[in-house]
Protein backbone atom coordinates (compact mmCIF):
# COMPACT_ATOMS: atom_id res chain seq x y z
CA MET A 1 123.49 100.02 78.33
CA LYS A 2 124.29 103.37 80.02
CA ALA A 3 123.51 105.21 76.78
CA ALA A 4 120.14 103.46 76.60
CA VAL A 5 119.38 104.41 80.20
CA ALA A 6 120.34 108.04 79.51
CA ALA A 7 118.16 108.09 76.40
CA LEU A 8 115.25 106.60 78.34
CA GLY A 9 115.64 109.29 80.99
CA ARG A 10 115.65 112.04 78.33
CA GLU A 11 112.56 110.54 76.68
CA ARG A 12 110.69 110.63 79.96
CA GLY A 13 111.77 114.24 80.43
CA ARG A 14 112.89 113.58 83.99
CA ASN A 15 116.13 113.81 85.88
CA GLU A 16 116.11 110.28 87.23
CA GLN A 17 118.52 107.44 87.44
CA VAL A 18 117.40 103.92 86.70
CA LEU A 19 118.28 101.17 89.14
CA GLY A 20 121.55 99.69 87.97
CA GLU A 21 125.18 99.16 88.78
CA GLY A 22 127.90 101.75 88.46
CA GLU A 23 131.48 102.18 89.55
CA MET A 24 132.83 104.44 92.26
CA GLY A 25 136.60 104.32 92.15
CA SER A 26 137.38 100.63 92.06
CA ALA A 27 134.37 99.59 94.15
CA LYS A 28 131.08 98.65 92.53
CA THR A 29 128.04 100.69 93.49
CA VAL A 30 124.31 100.29 93.11
CA GLN A 31 122.17 103.22 92.00
CA VAL A 32 118.73 103.67 93.54
CA SER A 33 115.98 105.76 91.97
CA LEU A 34 113.41 107.80 93.90
CA ASP A 35 110.44 109.58 92.39
CA LEU A 36 109.85 112.80 94.29
CA PRO A 37 107.66 115.76 93.42
CA PRO A 38 109.63 118.92 92.49
CA SER A 39 108.00 120.72 95.41
CA VAL A 40 110.22 118.70 97.79
CA PHE A 41 113.33 120.46 96.48
CA ALA A 42 111.68 123.87 96.68
CA ALA A 43 110.50 123.24 100.25
CA LEU A 44 114.02 122.27 101.32
CA ARG A 45 115.62 124.98 99.17
CA GLN A 46 117.92 122.43 97.58
CA ASP A 47 118.65 121.27 94.08
CA PRO A 48 118.37 117.50 93.45
CA ALA A 49 122.14 116.87 93.76
CA SER A 50 122.33 118.66 97.13
CA PHE A 51 119.22 116.84 98.29
CA VAL A 52 120.78 113.45 97.50
CA GLY A 53 123.93 114.34 99.43
CA GLU A 54 121.92 115.53 102.42
CA MET A 55 119.72 112.44 102.31
CA ARG A 56 122.77 110.15 102.28
CA LEU A 57 124.21 112.03 105.26
CA ALA A 58 120.92 111.99 107.20
CA ALA A 59 120.51 108.25 106.63
CA ALA A 60 124.11 107.55 107.66
CA VAL A 61 123.75 109.66 110.82
CA LYS A 62 120.50 107.93 111.80
CA TRP A 63 121.86 104.43 111.19
CA TYR A 64 124.98 105.33 113.19
CA GLU A 65 122.84 106.77 116.00
CA MET A 66 120.83 103.52 116.08
CA ARG A 67 124.12 101.57 116.31
CA GLN A 68 123.43 99.73 113.07
CA ILE A 69 126.69 100.82 111.40
CA SER A 70 130.16 101.99 112.42
CA GLN A 71 131.54 105.50 112.04
CA ALA A 72 133.69 104.35 109.12
CA LYS A 73 130.73 102.78 107.29
CA ALA A 74 128.54 105.81 108.01
CA ALA A 75 131.20 108.14 106.59
CA GLU A 76 131.42 105.94 103.49
CA ILE A 77 127.63 106.01 102.99
CA ALA A 78 127.60 109.79 103.44
CA GLY A 79 130.49 110.20 101.00
CA LEU A 80 132.59 111.97 103.63
CA SER A 81 135.91 111.41 105.37
CA ARG A 82 135.60 110.11 108.90
CA SER A 83 136.56 113.49 110.38
CA GLU A 84 133.96 115.24 108.19
CA PHE A 85 131.36 112.73 109.35
CA LEU A 86 132.24 113.36 113.00
CA ALA A 87 131.75 117.10 112.41
CA ALA A 88 128.39 116.37 110.77
CA LEU A 89 127.27 114.43 113.85
CA THR A 90 127.52 117.66 115.82
CA ARG A 91 125.28 119.41 113.30
CA PHE A 92 122.63 116.70 113.83
CA GLY A 93 123.07 116.69 117.62
CA VAL A 94 124.28 113.08 117.66
CA SER A 95 127.08 111.95 119.96
CA PRO A 96 130.15 110.47 118.26
CA PHE A 97 130.28 107.91 121.07
CA GLN A 98 128.13 104.82 120.72
CA TYR A 99 128.25 104.04 124.42
CA ASP A 100 126.51 106.02 127.13
CA ALA A 101 128.01 106.61 130.58
CA ASP A 102 126.24 103.63 132.18
CA GLU A 103 127.53 101.24 129.53
CA ILE A 104 131.11 102.52 129.95
CA VAL A 105 130.92 102.09 133.73
CA ALA A 106 129.52 98.57 133.29
CA ASP A 107 132.35 97.68 130.89
CA VAL A 108 135.03 99.05 133.23
CA THR A 109 133.62 97.39 136.35
CA GLY A 110 132.94 94.12 134.59
CA GLY A 111 129.21 94.32 135.25
């Protein structure tokens, strides 16, 4: 199946991955395909592989910021260790703490 997918990609003359399942270590993964114009990579000054890594990180940071996922899950999505993800939060200007001062005070005072 993977050979057929690779051949299909070569026939189309594109660098794209077809939606399918793969393996990452011992965990199963799902591949997602996006069709983007080449100008996107030029505008961001990134090759496709770097773009995918940055997109995974940006999505993980945003979902973490919105309190939809934990730090551990965000690091996993980004393909980083937890400490690397915490460093990346600084780059994006996102606090590593999911509680603001008022919420901490309310928790401590029982209110």
